Amino acid sequence: MKSLAIITKKHKPDAWQAGRDLEAWCQSRGLTAQHLENEPEPTILPLPPETEFIVVMGGDGTILSVARHYGRRGLPILGVNLGGLGFLTEVSLDELYPCLEDYVLPEKFEVDERMILTVGLIREGETIWQETVLNDAVINKGALARIAELTTWIDGEYLTTYRADGLIVSTPTGSTAYTLSAGGPIAYPTLHHIILLPICPHTLSNRPIILPETVTVAVSLDEKVQDVYLTLDGQVGRELKPLDRIEVRSGPYHIKLVKSPRRSHFEILRTKLGWGDPGAPCR
């Protein structure tokens, strides 16, 4: 390991200082370290071409932004939790330097390969916007809008027309984000499938559906739609117009998130969701 990038949350003084401290630590060990603030769209700062590893100082939102900006580079990403809930940022600031010393620099770390989704917005037969997401694509109505009617196909076969406040199309990584709040299943994050979840559906028989990663989910809006939006990873979005069509499919690469050497995914779930102590060992 010779070169890494340190990306810190924009306008967060403690993250910026932590990044500066890490930059100095790396330089004292002969490493090349580039310290960048995570810029919002449309400003995206390029990574130096020699970068081998990314350390992110912030919360899950910063990880999502970094994954969307730089994920196609295929670099390992280590998330350091300076934010709130922290399902993606698995290492605390106290654990950072021992983790770097014992696992990252000698390249003994392990990564989880997380699937992404490619989301396209099609208007009058033309794709006018396309992005990748690590968590989810959400179609939802505004605060005072009427229930949305969302006609949905799977690989060109009609599934149903949801009458709901919205629809979430999520990765397994996103199952502990908005999907969890909306009553969806918690999926193991390295699985490769797509979760389809209506938000507050008018028909109670509309339940979450788990689909294989090979399918394309298409959602069309009716001609009367008003005040409905497409939001990606809760960070970027577009207002939708009548007869717009959204297509979602598995993305062309995976995001490599460095695993915590000190805790498992199930320990993170227990801690973040307050499930209690581990209890007796399995017999």
Protein backbone atom coordinates (compact mmCIF):
# COMPACT_ATOMS: atom_id res chain seq x y z
CA MET A 1 0.00 0.00 0.00
CA LYS A 2 1.65 3.21 -1.18
CA SER A 3 -1.10 5.72 -1.96
CA LEU A 4 -4.51 6.42 -0.48
CA ALA A 5 -7.20 9.08 -0.62
CA ILE A 6 -8.85 10.52 2.50
CA ILE A 7 -12.34 11.89 1.86
CA THR A 8 -14.07 13.82 4.62
CA LYS A 9 -17.64 15.03 5.03
CA LYS A 10 -18.17 18.56 3.75
CA HIS A 11 -18.50 21.30 6.41
CA LYS A 12 -17.94 18.89 9.34
CA PRO A 13 -14.99 20.28 11.37
CA ASP A 14 -14.26 17.10 13.34
CA ALA A 15 -14.18 15.04 10.13
CA TRP A 16 -11.88 17.57 8.45
CA GLN A 17 -9.49 17.58 11.40
CA ALA A 18 -9.52 13.78 11.58
CA GLY A 19 -8.65 13.71 7.89
CA ARG A 20 -5.77 16.16 8.38
CA ASP A 21 -4.44 14.06 11.27
CA LEU A 22 -4.63 10.91 9.15
CA GLU A 23 -2.89 12.67 6.25
CA ALA A 24 0.01 13.61 8.55
CA TRP A 25 0.14 10.07 9.96
CA CYS A 26 0.36 8.59 6.44
CA GLN A 27 3.07 11.00 5.37
CA SER A 28 5.12 10.14 8.46
CA ARG A 29 5.13 6.55 7.19
CA GLY A 30 6.16 7.42 3.67
CA LEU A 31 2.70 7.04 2.15
CA THR A 32 1.17 9.34 -0.42
CA ALA A 33 -2.11 10.68 0.98
CA GLN A 34 -4.52 13.01 -0.80
CA HIS A 35 -7.04 14.73 1.49
CA LEU A 36 -10.32 15.78 -0.18
CA GLU A 37 -13.62 17.14 1.08
CA ASN A 38 -16.63 15.27 -0.27
CA GLU A 39 -18.21 17.72 -2.67
CA PRO A 40 -21.92 17.66 -3.54
CA GLU A 41 -23.15 17.21 -7.09
CA PRO A 42 -22.35 18.44 -9.66
CA THR A 43 -18.84 19.16 -8.31
CA ILE A 44 -16.85 15.93 -8.22
CA LEU A 45 -13.16 16.10 -7.37
CA PRO A 46 -11.03 13.57 -9.28
CA LEU A 47 -8.94 11.03 -7.41
CA PRO A 48 -5.25 10.84 -8.23
CA PRO A 49 -4.72 7.97 -10.71
CA GLU A 50 -2.26 6.22 -8.38
CA THR A 51 -4.83 5.91 -5.54
CA GLU A 52 -5.05 2.35 -4.19
CA PHE A 53 -7.38 2.77 -1.22
CA ILE A 54 -10.02 5.21 0.07
CA VAL A 55 -10.66 6.17 3.70
CA VAL A 56 -13.97 7.98 4.27
CA MET A 57 -14.44 10.16 7.35
CA GLY A 58 -18.12 10.81 8.03
CA GLY A 59 -21.31 8.77 8.16
CA ASP A 60 -23.23 6.46 5.87
CA GLY A 61 -24.33 9.39 3.71
CA THR A 62 -20.71 10.22 2.92
CA ILE A 63 -20.05 6.58 1.99
CA LEU A 64 -23.04 6.61 -0.37
CA SER A 65 -21.76 9.72 -2.09
CA VAL A 66 -18.22 8.35 -2.40
CA ALA A 67 -19.55 5.06 -3.78
CA ARG A 68 -21.58 6.91 -6.40
CA HIS A 69 -18.67 9.17 -7.38
CA TYR A 70 -15.76 6.75 -7.31
CA GLY A 71 -17.16 3.21 -7.11
CA ARG A 72 -16.34 2.37 -10.73
CA ARG A 73 -12.65 2.65 -9.84
CA GLY A 74 -13.00 -0.63 -7.91
CA LEU A 75 -10.97 0.62 -4.95
CA PRO A 76 -11.45 -0.69 -1.39
CA ILE A 77 -13.34 1.82 0.77
CA LEU A 78 -12.90 1.99 4.56
CA GLY A 79 -15.65 3.91 6.35
CA VAL A 80 -14.81 5.65 9.63
CA ASN A 81 -17.93 6.45 11.62
CA LEU A 82 -18.18 10.12 12.55
CA GLY A 83 -21.88 10.29 11.78
CA GLY A 84 -25.05 8.82 13.25
CA LEU A 85 -26.33 5.29 12.71
CA GLY A 86 -23.39 3.91 10.75
CA PHE A 87 -24.32 0.61 9.06
CA LEU A 88 -21.72 1.21 6.33
CA THR A 89 -19.02 2.97 8.36
CA GLU A 90 -17.90 -0.01 10.42
CA VAL A 91 -14.75 1.38 12.08
CA SER A 92 -14.72 3.99 14.85
CA LEU A 93 -12.11 6.75 14.99
CA ASP A 94 -10.48 5.02 17.98
CA GLU A 95 -10.11 1.84 15.92
CA LEU A 96 -8.82 3.56 12.77
CA TYR A 97 -5.06 3.61 13.34
CA PRO A 98 -4.75 0.06 14.71
CA CYS A 99 -6.87 -1.10 11.75
CA LEU A 100 -4.58 0.70 9.29
CA GLU A 101 -1.42 -0.54 11.00
CA ASP A 102 -2.46 -4.17 11.45
CA TYR A 103 -4.69 -4.82 8.43
CA VAL A 104 -4.66 -2.14 5.73
CA LEU A 105 -0.98 -1.34 5.24
CA PRO A 106 0.08 -5.02 5.23
CA GLU A 107 -2.95 -5.70 2.97
CA LYS A 108 -4.51 -8.26 5.29
CA PHE A 109 -7.97 -6.70 5.18
CA GLU A 110 -11.12 -8.32 3.77
CA VAL A 111 -13.80 -6.62 1.69
CA ASP A 112 -17.52 -7.10 1.18
CA GLU A 113 -18.52 -6.74 -2.46
CA ARG A 114 -21.86 -4.90 -2.51
CA MET A 115 -24.10 -4.85 -5.55
CA ILE A 116 -25.32 -1.55 -6.95
CA LEU A 117 -28.28 -0.56 -9.10
CA THR A 118 -28.32 1.38 -12.33
CA VAL A 119 -31.34 3.69 -12.49
CA GLY A 120 -32.55 5.32 -15.69
CA LEU A 121 -35.23 7.98 -16.16
CA ILE A 122 -36.91 7.67 -19.55
CA ARG A 123 -39.03 10.51 -20.93
CA GLU A 124 -40.71 10.34 -24.35
CA GLY A 125 -38.62 7.31 -25.26
CA GLU A 126 -35.26 8.88 -24.38
CA THR A 127 -33.09 8.24 -21.33
CA ILE A 128 -32.60 11.73 -19.91
CA TRP A 129 -30.83 10.78 -16.66
CA GLN A 130 -28.93 7.73 -15.46
CA GLU A 131 -27.13 7.12 -12.17
CA THR A 132 -25.90 4.30 -9.95
CA VAL A 133 -27.00 3.78 -6.35
CA LEU A 134 -25.67 1.68 -3.48
CA ASN A 135 -28.81 1.84 -1.31
CA ASP A 136 -32.01 2.56 -3.20
CA ALA A 137 -34.08 4.36 -5.77
CA VAL A 138 -37.28 5.84 -4.32
CA ILE A 139 -40.32 7.10 -6.19
CA ASN A 140 -42.42 9.12 -3.76
CA LYS A 141 -45.14 11.73 -3.75
CA GLY A 142 -44.89 15.19 -2.23
CA ALA A 143 -46.47 16.08 1.10
CA LEU A 144 -49.83 17.20 -0.33
CA ALA A 145 -49.96 15.06 -3.48
CA ARG A 146 -52.59 12.40 -4.00
CA ILE A 147 -51.73 8.68 -3.93
CA ALA A 148 -49.45 7.77 -6.83
CA GLU A 149 -50.39 5.08 -9.35
CA LEU A 150 -47.20 3.22 -10.31
CA THR A 151 -47.55 0.56 -13.00
CA THR A 152 -44.77 -1.96 -12.57
CA TRP A 153 -43.21 -4.59 -14.86
CA ILE A 154 -40.56 -7.24 -14.23
CA ASP A 155 -38.57 -8.07 -17.37
CA GLY A 156 -41.42 -6.71 -19.47
CA GLU A 157 -44.12 -8.76 -17.71
CA TYR A 158 -46.83 -6.78 -15.95
CA LEU A 159 -46.65 -7.20 -12.17
CA THR A 160 -49.21 -4.79 -10.70
CA THR A 161 -50.22 -1.15 -10.45
CA TYR A 162 -49.32 0.09 -7.01
CA ARG A 163 -51.57 2.73 -5.49
CA ALA A 164 -49.31 3.98 -2.73
CA ASP A 165 -47.32 6.89 -1.32
CA GLY A 166 -44.39 5.59 -3.30
CA LEU A 167 -42.17 2.66 -4.22
CA ILE A 168 -38.67 1.67 -3.09
CA VAL A 169 -36.31 -0.39 -5.24
CA SER A 170 -33.43 -1.40 -2.98
CA THR A 171 -30.22 -3.39 -2.83
CA PRO A 172 -29.47 -5.68 0.14
CA THR A 173 -27.18 -2.91 1.42
CA GLY A 174 -30.16 -0.54 1.34
CA SER A 175 -32.31 -2.95 3.35
CA THR A 176 -31.14 -1.26 6.57
CA ALA A 177 -31.92 2.23 5.23
CA TYR A 178 -35.31 3.59 4.08
CA THR A 179 -36.48 0.05 3.29
CA LEU A 180 -36.14 -0.87 6.97
CA SER A 181 -38.16 2.18 8.05
CA ALA A 182 -40.90 1.28 5.55
CA GLY A 183 -41.29 -2.25 6.93
CA GLY A 184 -39.10 -4.17 4.49
CA PRO A 185 -36.90 -7.20 5.20
CA ILE A 186 -33.32 -6.99 6.45
CA ALA A 187 -31.12 -8.72 3.89
CA TYR A 188 -27.54 -9.90 4.36
CA PRO A 189 -25.61 -7.12 2.61
CA THR A 190 -23.51 -9.26 0.25
CA LEU A 191 -26.53 -11.03 -1.26
CA HIS A 192 -27.32 -10.25 -4.89
CA HIS A 193 -31.01 -9.49 -5.21
CA ILE A 194 -33.39 -6.57 -5.62
CA ILE A 195 -36.03 -5.61 -3.04
CA LEU A 196 -39.28 -4.06 -4.29
CA LEU A 197 -41.29 -2.38 -1.54
CA PRO A 198 -44.40 -0.15 -1.80
CA ILE A 199 -44.64 2.72 0.69
CA CYS A 200 -47.98 2.77 2.56
CA PRO A 201 -49.86 0.87 -0.19
CA HIS A 202 -53.61 1.40 -0.54
CA THR A 203 -54.06 -2.39 -0.87
CA LEU A 204 -52.81 -4.33 2.15
CA SER A 205 -52.02 -7.38 0.01
CA ASN A 206 -49.14 -5.44 -1.63
CA ARG A 207 -46.16 -6.87 0.20
CA PRO A 208 -42.38 -6.59 -0.25
CA ILE A 209 -41.00 -8.72 -3.10
CA ILE A 210 -37.45 -10.07 -3.38
CA LEU A 211 -36.28 -10.45 -6.97
CA PRO A 212 -33.15 -11.93 -8.57
CA GLU A 213 -30.44 -9.47 -9.58
CA THR A 214 -30.86 -10.48 -13.24
CA VAL A 215 -34.24 -8.75 -13.72
CA THR A 216 -35.12 -5.25 -14.89
CA VAL A 217 -37.78 -3.43 -12.87
CA ALA A 218 -39.73 -0.85 -14.88
CA VAL A 219 -42.16 1.63 -13.31
CA SER A 220 -44.41 3.95 -15.33
CA LEU A 221 -46.40 6.94 -14.11
CA ASP A 222 -49.90 7.75 -15.31
CA GLU A 223 -50.88 10.81 -17.31
CA LYS A 224 -52.33 12.64 -14.26
CA VAL A 225 -49.33 12.42 -11.95
CA GLN A 226 -48.32 15.56 -10.05
CA ASP A 227 -45.70 16.31 -7.39
CA VAL A 228 -43.87 12.96 -7.60
CA TYR A 229 -40.09 12.61 -7.33
CA LEU A 230 -37.32 10.11 -8.01
CA THR A 231 -34.65 10.16 -5.29
CA LEU A 232 -31.41 8.18 -5.41
CA ASP A 233 -29.68 7.16 -2.17
CA GLY A 234 -31.57 10.01 -0.51
CA GLN A 235 -29.10 12.48 -2.02
CA VAL A 236 -29.89 13.34 -5.64
CA GLY A 237 -33.18 13.37 -7.49
CA ARG A 238 -35.51 14.67 -10.18
CA GLU A 239 -39.13 15.71 -10.32
CA LEU A 240 -41.13 13.29 -12.45
CA LYS A 241 -43.61 14.17 -15.19
CA PRO A 242 -46.69 12.35 -16.51
CA LEU A 243 -45.88 9.12 -18.41
CA ASP A 244 -42.24 9.08 -17.23
CA ARG A 245 -40.72 5.61 -16.96
CA ILE A 246 -38.04 4.51 -14.49
CA GLU A 247 -35.95 1.41 -15.21
CA VAL A 248 -33.81 -0.23 -12.53
CA ARG A 249 -31.36 -3.09 -13.01
CA SER A 250 -28.23 -4.50 -11.41
CA GLY A 251 -25.18 -2.29 -11.97
CA PRO A 252 -22.03 -3.20 -13.91
CA TYR A 253 -19.63 -3.32 -10.93
CA HIS A 254 -19.54 -3.87 -7.16
CA ILE A 255 -18.59 -1.53 -4.33
CA LYS A 256 -15.76 -2.90 -2.20
CA LEU A 257 -16.33 -2.01 1.46
CA VAL A 258 -13.61 -2.97 3.91
CA LYS A 259 -14.93 -5.22 6.66
CA SER A 260 -14.33 -4.38 10.29
CA PRO A 261 -11.71 -6.74 11.73
CA ARG A 262 -13.35 -6.43 15.14
CA ARG A 263 -17.07 -7.04 14.62
CA SER A 264 -19.41 -9.05 12.42
CA HIS A 265 -22.46 -7.86 10.50
CA PHE A 266 -24.72 -9.42 13.13
CA GLU A 267 -22.96 -7.56 15.92
CA ILE A 268 -23.49 -4.33 14.00
CA LEU A 269 -27.20 -5.16 13.68
CA ARG A 270 -27.50 -5.94 17.39
CA THR A 271 -25.76 -2.69 18.31
CA LYS A 272 -27.48 -0.35 15.87
CA LEU A 273 -30.98 -1.79 16.31
CA GLY A 274 -30.76 -2.35 20.05
CA TRP A 275 -31.38 -6.08 19.96
CA GLY A 276 -29.62 -6.65 23.29
CA ASP A 277 -26.63 -8.67 24.48
CA PRO A 278 -25.45 -11.80 22.64
CA GLY A 279 -26.58 -14.05 25.50
CA ALA A 280 -25.57 -17.67 25.81
CA PRO A 281 -23.31 -19.26 23.15
CA CYS A 282 -24.87 -21.48 20.50
CA ARG A 283 -24.76 -25.12 21.55
